[in-house]
C-alpha atoms as a PDB file:
ATOM      1  CA  MET A   1       0.000   0.000   0.000  1.00  0.00           C
ATOM      2  CA  ASN A   2       1.314   3.448  -0.921  1.00  0.00           C
ATOM      3  CA  PHE A   3       1.480   5.460   2.311  1.00  0.00           C
ATOM      4  CA  ASP A   4       2.977   8.559   0.631  1.00  0.00           C
ATOM      5  CA  ILE A   5      -0.395   9.481  -0.865  1.00  0.00           C
ATOM      6  CA  ILE A   6      -2.135   9.005   2.489  1.00  0.00           C
ATOM      7  CA  ASN A   7       0.489  11.092   4.308  1.00  0.00           C
ATOM      8  CA  SER A   8       0.262  13.889   1.733  1.00  0.00           C
ATOM      9  CA  ILE A   9      -3.536  14.007   2.086  1.00  0.00           C
ATOM     10  CA  ARG A  10      -3.201  14.077   5.886  1.00  0.00           C
ATOM     11  CA  VAL A  11      -0.667  16.914   5.805  1.00  0.00           C
ATOM     12  CA  ASP A  12      -2.740  18.976   3.362  1.00  0.00           C
ATOM     13  CA  PHE A  13      -5.807  18.512   5.577  1.00  0.00           C
ATOM     14  CA  MET A  14      -3.739  19.563   8.615  1.00  0.00           C
ATOM     15  CA  ASP A  15      -2.657  22.713   6.789  1.00  0.00           C
ATOM     16  CA  TRP A  16      -6.278  23.683   6.150  1.00  0.00           C
ATOM     17  CA  LYS A  17      -7.113  23.067   9.786  1.00  0.00           C
ATOM     18  CA  ILE A  18      -4.260  25.361  10.816  1.00  0.00           C
ATOM     19  CA  ILE A  19      -5.378  28.029   8.334  1.00  0.00           C
ATOM     20  CA  GLY A  20      -8.904  27.764   9.739  1.00  0.00           C
ATOM     21  CA  LEU A  21      -7.547  28.004  13.271  1.00  0.00           C
ATOM     22  CA  GLY A  22      -5.591  31.120  12.295  1.00  0.00           C
ATOM     23  CA  ALA A  23      -8.752  32.612  10.784  1.00  0.00           C
ATOM     24  CA  LEU A  24     -10.730  31.921  13.971  1.00  0.00           C
ATOM     25  CA  VAL A  25      -7.978  33.430  16.137  1.00  0.00           C
ATOM     26  CA  ASN A  26      -7.988  36.422  13.784  1.00  0.00           C
ATOM     27  CA  ALA A  27     -11.739  36.919  14.113  1.00  0.00           C
ATOM     28  CA  VAL A  28     -11.979  36.398  17.865  1.00  0.00           C
ATOM     29  CA  LEU A  29      -9.017  38.646  18.659  1.00  0.00           C
ATOM     30  CA  THR A  30     -10.291  41.347  16.324  1.00  0.00           C
ATOM     31  CA  VAL A  31     -13.735  41.402  17.922  1.00  0.00           C
ATOM     32  CA  ILE A  32     -12.359  41.326  21.491  1.00  0.00           C
ATOM     33  CA  LEU A  33      -9.706  43.958  20.826  1.00  0.00           C
ATOM     34  CA  SER A  34     -12.184  46.211  19.031  1.00  0.00           C
ATOM     35  CA  LEU A  35     -14.341  46.115  22.161  1.00  0.00           C
ATOM     36  CA  ILE A  36     -11.404  46.946  24.453  1.00  0.00           C
ATOM     37  CA  PHE A  37      -9.762  49.640  22.336  1.00  0.00           C
ATOM     38  CA  PHE A  38     -10.737  49.944  18.669  1.00  0.00           C
ATOM     39  CA  PRO A  39      -7.267  50.668  17.140  1.00  0.00           C
ATOM     40  CA  LEU A  40      -5.947  47.385  18.598  1.00  0.00           C
ATOM     41  CA  PHE A  41      -8.112  45.372  16.187  1.00  0.00           C
ATOM     42  CA  ILE A  42      -5.203  45.229  13.724  1.00  0.00           C
ATOM     43  CA  LEU A  43      -3.394  42.742  15.979  1.00  0.00           C
ATOM     44  CA  GLY A  44      -5.983  40.039  15.202  1.00  0.00           C
ATOM     45  CA  PRO A  45      -5.077  39.570  11.515  1.00  0.00           C
ATOM     46  CA  PHE A  46      -1.351  39.820  12.287  1.00  0.00           C
ATOM     47  CA  ILE A  47      -1.544  37.057  14.878  1.00  0.00           C
ATOM     48  CA  GLY A  48      -3.889  34.924  12.751  1.00  0.00           C
ATOM     49  CA  GLY A  49      -1.539  35.074   9.745  1.00  0.00           C
ATOM     50  CA  PHE A  50       1.450  34.433  11.987  1.00  0.00           C
ATOM     51  CA  ILE A  51      -0.149  31.331  13.520  1.00  0.00           C
ATOM     52  CA  SER A  52      -1.170  30.001  10.111  1.00  0.00           C
ATOM     53  CA  SER A  53       2.285  30.263   8.581  1.00  0.00           C
ATOM     54  CA  TYR A  54       4.294  29.362  11.668  1.00  0.00           C
ATOM     55  CA  PHE A  55       2.495  26.093  12.337  1.00  0.00           C
ATOM     56  CA  THR A  56       2.135  24.992   8.715  1.00  0.00           C
ATOM     57  CA  GLU A  57       4.441  22.023   8.268  1.00  0.00           C
ATOM     58  CA  ARG A  58       4.810  22.229   4.522  1.00  0.00           C
ATOM     59  CA  PHE A  59       3.281  23.965   1.552  1.00  0.00           C
ATOM     60  CA  GLU A  60       2.278  22.388  -1.784  1.00  0.00           C
ATOM     61  CA  ASP A  61       4.580  19.478  -2.676  1.00  0.00           C
ATOM     62  CA  TYR A  62       7.808  20.486  -0.960  1.00  0.00           C
ATOM     63  CA  ASP A  63       8.933  20.570   2.626  1.00  0.00           C
ATOM     64  CA  ILE A  64      10.491  24.029   2.936  1.00  0.00           C
ATOM     65  CA  MET A  65       8.309  27.122   3.158  1.00  0.00           C
ATOM     66  CA  ASP A  66       9.616  30.438   1.941  1.00  0.00           C
ATOM     67  CA  GLU A  67       8.293  33.966   2.406  1.00  0.00           C
ATOM     68  CA  LYS A  68       5.929  33.746  -0.586  1.00  0.00           C
ATOM     69  CA  ASP A  69       4.300  30.637   0.828  1.00  0.00           C
ATOM     70  CA  GLY A  70       3.903  32.307   4.216  1.00  0.00           C
ATOM     71  CA  ALA A  71       2.306  35.284   2.501  1.00  0.00           C
ATOM     72  CA  VAL A  72      -0.178  33.031   0.691  1.00  0.00           C
ATOM     73  CA  VAL A  73      -1.098  31.093   3.848  1.00  0.00           C
ATOM     74  CA  GLY A  74      -1.425  34.326   5.857  1.00  0.00           C
ATOM     75  CA  ALA A  75      -3.528  35.986   3.152  1.00  0.00           C
ATOM     76  CA  ILE A  76      -5.905  33.017   2.973  1.00  0.00           C
ATOM     77  CA  SER A  77      -6.224  33.064   6.752  1.00  0.00           C
ATOM     78  CA  GLY A  78      -6.833  36.819   6.708  1.00  0.00           C
ATOM     79  CA  PHE A  79      -9.476  36.524   3.998  1.00  0.00           C
ATOM     80  CA  ILE A  80     -11.393  33.800   5.823  1.00  0.00           C
ATOM     81  CA  GLY A  81     -10.993  35.706   9.096  1.00  0.00           C
ATOM     82  CA  GLY A  82     -12.368  38.848   7.421  1.00  0.00           C
ATOM     83  CA  LEU A  83     -15.486  36.951   6.359  1.00  0.00           C
ATOM     84  CA  ILE A  84     -15.946  35.639   9.907  1.00  0.00           C
ATOM     85  CA  ILE A  85     -15.424  39.143  11.330  1.00  0.00           C
ATOM     86  CA  THR A  86     -18.094  40.516   8.992  1.00  0.00           C
ATOM     87  CA  LEU A  87     -20.493  37.824  10.122  1.00  0.00           C
ATOM     88  CA  LEU A  88     -19.772  38.519  13.800  1.00  0.00           C
ATOM     89  CA  PHE A  89     -20.064  42.291  13.401  1.00  0.00           C
ATOM     90  CA  THR A  90     -23.336  42.113  11.497  1.00  0.00           C
ATOM     91  CA  LEU A  91     -24.782  39.693  14.069  1.00  0.00           C
ATOM     92  CA  GLY A  92     -24.125  42.246  16.793  1.00  0.00           C
ATOM     93  CA  PHE A  93     -20.868  41.102  18.358  1.00  0.00           C
ATOM     94  CA  GLY A  94     -18.111  43.682  18.461  1.00  0.00           C
ATOM     95  CA  ASP A  95     -17.940  47.424  18.174  1.00  0.00           C
ATOM     96  CA  ILE A  96     -19.878  48.064  15.005  1.00  0.00           C
ATOM     97  CA  SER A  97     -20.879  51.540  16.188  1.00  0.00           C
ATOM     98  CA  ALA A  98     -17.471  52.936  15.234  1.00  0.00           C
ATOM     99  CA  ILE A  99     -17.896  51.890  11.605  1.00  0.00           C
ATOM    100  CA  THR A 100     -21.590  52.749  11.320  1.00  0.00           C
ATOM    101  CA  GLY A 101     -20.898  56.118  12.958  1.00  0.00           C
ATOM    102  CA  LEU A 102     -18.325  56.825  10.272  1.00  0.00           C
ATOM    103  CA  THR A 103     -20.638  55.811   7.447  1.00  0.00           C
ATOM    104  CA  SER A 104     -23.594  57.742   8.874  1.00  0.00           C
ATOM    105  CA  SER A 105     -21.458  60.873   9.092  1.00  0.00           C
ATOM    106  CA  LEU A 106     -20.855  60.436   5.368  1.00  0.00           C
ATOM    107  CA  GLY A 107     -24.620  60.344   4.849  1.00  0.00           C
ATOM    108  CA  ILE A 108     -24.975  56.573   4.378  1.00  0.00           C
ATOM    109  CA  LYS A 109     -27.937  55.260   6.363  1.00  0.00           C
ATOM    110  CA  ASN A 110     -28.737  52.079   4.423  1.00  0.00           C
ATOM    111  CA  ILE A 111     -28.191  48.910   6.491  1.00  0.00           C
ATOM    112  CA  LEU A 112     -27.166  46.780   3.501  1.00  0.00           C
ATOM    113  CA  LEU A 113     -24.668  49.387   2.369  1.00  0.00           C
ATOM    114  CA  ASN A 114     -23.207  49.531   5.886  1.00  0.00           C
ATOM    115  CA  GLY A 115     -22.879  45.726   5.857  1.00  0.00           C
ATOM    116  CA  TYR A 116     -21.160  45.862   2.474  1.00  0.00           C
ATOM    117  CA  ILE A 117     -18.713  48.511   3.719  1.00  0.00           C
ATOM    118  CA  ILE A 118     -17.948  46.392   6.790  1.00  0.00           C
ATOM    119  CA  LEU A 119     -17.393  43.364   4.535  1.00  0.00           C
ATOM    120  CA  GLN A 120     -14.972  45.224   2.286  1.00  0.00           C
ATOM    121  CA  PHE A 121     -13.141  46.848   5.176  1.00  0.00           C
ATOM    122  CA  SER A 122     -12.673  43.658   7.181  1.00  0.00           C
ATOM    123  CA  VAL A 123     -11.702  41.463   4.213  1.00  0.00           C
ATOM    124  CA  ILE A 124      -9.173  43.923   2.759  1.00  0.00           C
ATOM    125  CA  ILE A 125      -7.618  44.753   6.129  1.00  0.00           C
ATOM    126  CA  GLY A 126      -7.616  41.069   7.160  1.00  0.00           C
ATOM    127  CA  LEU A 127      -6.045  40.019   3.864  1.00  0.00           C
ATOM    128  CA  ILE A 128      -3.238  42.600   3.965  1.00  0.00           C
ATOM    129  CA  LEU A 129      -2.421  42.235   7.660  1.00  0.00           C
ATOM    130  CA  GLY A 130      -2.704  38.439   7.504  1.00  0.00           C
ATOM    131  CA  LEU A 131      -0.251  38.458   4.596  1.00  0.00           C
ATOM    132  CA  ILE A 132       2.244  40.489   6.610  1.00  0.00           C
ATOM    133  CA  GLY A 133       1.737  38.217   9.633  1.00  0.00           C
ATOM    134  CA  GLY A 134       2.332  35.161   7.427  1.00  0.00           C
ATOM    135  CA  VAL A 135       5.641  36.526   6.154  1.00  0.00           C
ATOM    136  CA  ILE A 136       6.716  37.343   9.716  1.00  0.00           C
ATOM    137  CA  GLY A 137       5.747  33.809  10.789  1.00  0.00           C
ATOM    138  CA  VAL A 138       8.055  32.296   8.155  1.00  0.00           C
ATOM    139  CA  PHE A 139      10.919  34.604   9.233  1.00  0.00           C
ATOM    140  CA  VAL A 140      10.479  33.581  12.865  1.00  0.00           C
ATOM    141  CA  LYS A 141      10.216  29.896  11.936  1.00  0.00           C
ATOM    142  CA  LYS A 142      13.547  30.001  10.111  1.00  0.00           C
END
């Protein structure tokens, strides 16, 4: 029996679990830190991307991760975390009043438009900061 195929499937599944864990850490830390002090929310995507790239054992079909691979893993974690953050903010968890206060001062009072702005903001910020956290995770791992 060829155990290499089974081991490669197991490792790839483990990588997705770690990326998902990084995304959950990203979302939970962002919501908690936005409640404590809103500017600290940027630490969530950094730490989520860092965790995803630091604990990933390998990427694609080779054993050594480089900075580009860490950036990809961190960006995926940040993107998924941004979607989770949007879901949590629109369900009422977190400090959504800071964002809706900003949009209402611009004259935007539509709930769907506010949700769309929150989606774009959290996904873009999560993606960029998760990418940076992923690169830092690879540097620390080496």
